[in-house]
């Protein structure tokens, strides 16, 4: 399965940039998740700790990190946003950011 990371209009890969700035243990965990998805496809999501956020928008929970994504089809997934787990208003802002990106990419209406 192909993972499509969200990139800015300037070409920055928001997802890998975030992951690369994490401590080694967290970075390795997230790259292991990416590898599992690439190798196992949709089956990988059954093994991961995921939950539905809003319609087609889901999240992967990995320690204190959250990856918000939309499954495009059986061959592709779009990672739209990544952040630390938070409570309250900050979490709502993170969700809104992921929804906005998904709409901009035409993944949700």
Protein backbone atom coordinates (compact mmCIF):
# COMPACT_ATOMS: atom_id res chain seq x y z
CA UNK A 1 0.00 0.00 0.00
CA UNK A 2 1.26 3.46 -0.82
CA UNK A 3 1.30 6.14 1.88
CA UNK A 4 0.71 9.68 0.63
CA UNK A 5 2.00 12.17 3.18
CA UNK A 6 0.50 15.64 3.30
CA UNK A 7 2.91 18.20 1.85
CA UNK A 8 2.65 21.96 1.94
CA UNK A 9 2.41 24.04 -1.23
CA UNK A 10 6.12 24.72 -0.70
CA UNK A 11 6.86 20.98 -0.84
CA UNK A 12 7.51 20.27 2.86
CA UNK A 13 6.45 16.81 3.98
CA UNK A 14 4.65 17.65 7.24
CA UNK A 15 4.40 14.03 8.39
CA UNK A 16 8.02 12.88 8.06
CA UNK A 17 9.29 16.24 9.28
CA UNK A 18 7.29 15.77 12.50
CA UNK A 19 8.39 12.14 12.91
CA UNK A 20 12.06 12.94 12.35
CA UNK A 21 11.96 15.51 15.20
CA UNK A 22 10.70 12.96 17.76
CA UNK A 23 12.83 11.06 20.27
CA UNK A 24 14.33 7.87 18.85
CA UNK A 25 11.88 5.39 20.44
CA UNK A 26 8.80 7.28 19.19
CA UNK A 27 10.38 7.80 15.76
CA UNK A 28 11.10 4.07 15.42
CA UNK A 29 7.55 3.15 16.48
CA UNK A 30 6.01 5.44 13.86
CA UNK A 31 8.32 4.26 11.09
CA UNK A 32 7.49 0.64 12.05
CA UNK A 33 3.80 1.50 11.65
CA UNK A 34 4.47 3.03 8.23
CA UNK A 35 6.42 -0.07 7.14
CA UNK A 36 3.65 -2.39 8.34
CA UNK A 37 1.06 -0.43 6.33
CA UNK A 38 3.24 -0.41 3.21
CA UNK A 39 3.87 -4.16 3.46
CA UNK A 40 0.49 -5.47 4.70
CA UNK A 41 -1.92 -2.92 3.23
CA UNK A 42 -5.40 -2.76 4.70
CA UNK A 43 -4.69 -5.75 6.97
CA UNK A 44 -2.24 -3.59 8.93
CA UNK A 45 -5.04 -1.33 10.16
CA UNK A 46 -6.67 -4.26 11.97
CA UNK A 47 -3.52 -4.70 14.06
CA UNK A 48 -3.12 -0.99 14.86
CA UNK A 49 -4.89 1.05 17.52
CA UNK A 50 -7.22 3.14 15.35
CA UNK A 51 -10.49 5.00 15.79
CA UNK A 52 -12.88 6.82 13.50
CA UNK A 53 -12.88 10.59 13.99
CA UNK A 54 -15.27 12.01 11.42
CA UNK A 55 -16.69 10.17 8.40
CA UNK A 56 -13.73 8.87 6.36
CA UNK A 57 -11.20 10.51 8.71
CA UNK A 58 -9.51 8.09 11.13
CA UNK A 59 -6.57 8.21 13.51
CA UNK A 60 -3.79 5.83 14.44
CA UNK A 61 -2.81 6.00 18.09
CA UNK A 62 0.88 5.37 18.76
CA UNK A 63 2.03 6.15 22.31
CA UNK A 64 1.30 9.89 22.68
CA UNK A 65 1.19 10.55 18.93
CA UNK A 66 -1.81 10.58 16.63
CA UNK A 67 -1.73 10.20 12.83
CA UNK A 68 -4.93 11.37 11.14
CA UNK A 69 -5.58 9.66 7.83
CA UNK A 70 -8.07 8.79 5.09
CA UNK A 71 -7.98 5.49 3.23
CA UNK A 72 -8.13 6.37 -0.48
CA UNK A 73 -8.60 2.83 -1.80
CA UNK A 74 -7.11 -0.65 -1.27
CA UNK A 75 -3.76 0.60 -2.59
CA UNK A 76 -3.41 3.99 -0.92
CA UNK A 77 -3.77 5.92 2.32
CA UNK A 78 -3.32 9.66 2.87
CA UNK A 79 -1.63 10.73 6.11
CA UNK A 80 -3.04 14.22 6.60
CA UNK A 81 -1.88 15.32 10.03
CA UNK A 82 0.21 14.17 12.97
CA UNK A 83 0.31 15.56 16.49
CA UNK A 84 0.76 14.77 20.17
CA UNK A 85 -2.31 13.57 22.03
CA UNK A 86 -3.96 16.54 23.70
CA UNK A 87 -7.15 17.40 25.53
CA UNK A 88 -9.76 20.06 24.90
CA UNK A 89 -9.47 22.94 22.45
CA UNK A 90 -6.06 21.99 21.12
CA UNK A 91 -7.34 18.56 20.10
CA UNK A 92 -10.30 20.14 18.31
CA UNK A 93 -7.93 22.44 16.40
CA UNK A 94 -5.84 19.46 15.31
CA UNK A 95 -8.97 17.66 14.07
CA UNK A 96 -10.11 20.75 12.17
CA UNK A 97 -6.69 21.01 10.54
CA UNK A 98 -6.91 17.39 9.31
CA UNK A 99 -10.44 17.93 7.98
CA UNK A 100 -9.37 21.08 6.16
CA UNK A 101 -6.46 19.24 4.53
CA UNK A 102 -8.69 16.32 3.52
CA UNK A 103 -11.16 18.70 1.89
CA UNK A 104 -8.35 20.57 0.11
CA UNK A 105 -7.10 17.27 -1.32
CA UNK A 106 -10.61 16.23 -2.36
CA UNK A 107 -10.64 13.22 -0.04
CA UNK A 108 -13.81 14.25 1.81
CA UNK A 109 -16.62 16.68 1.11
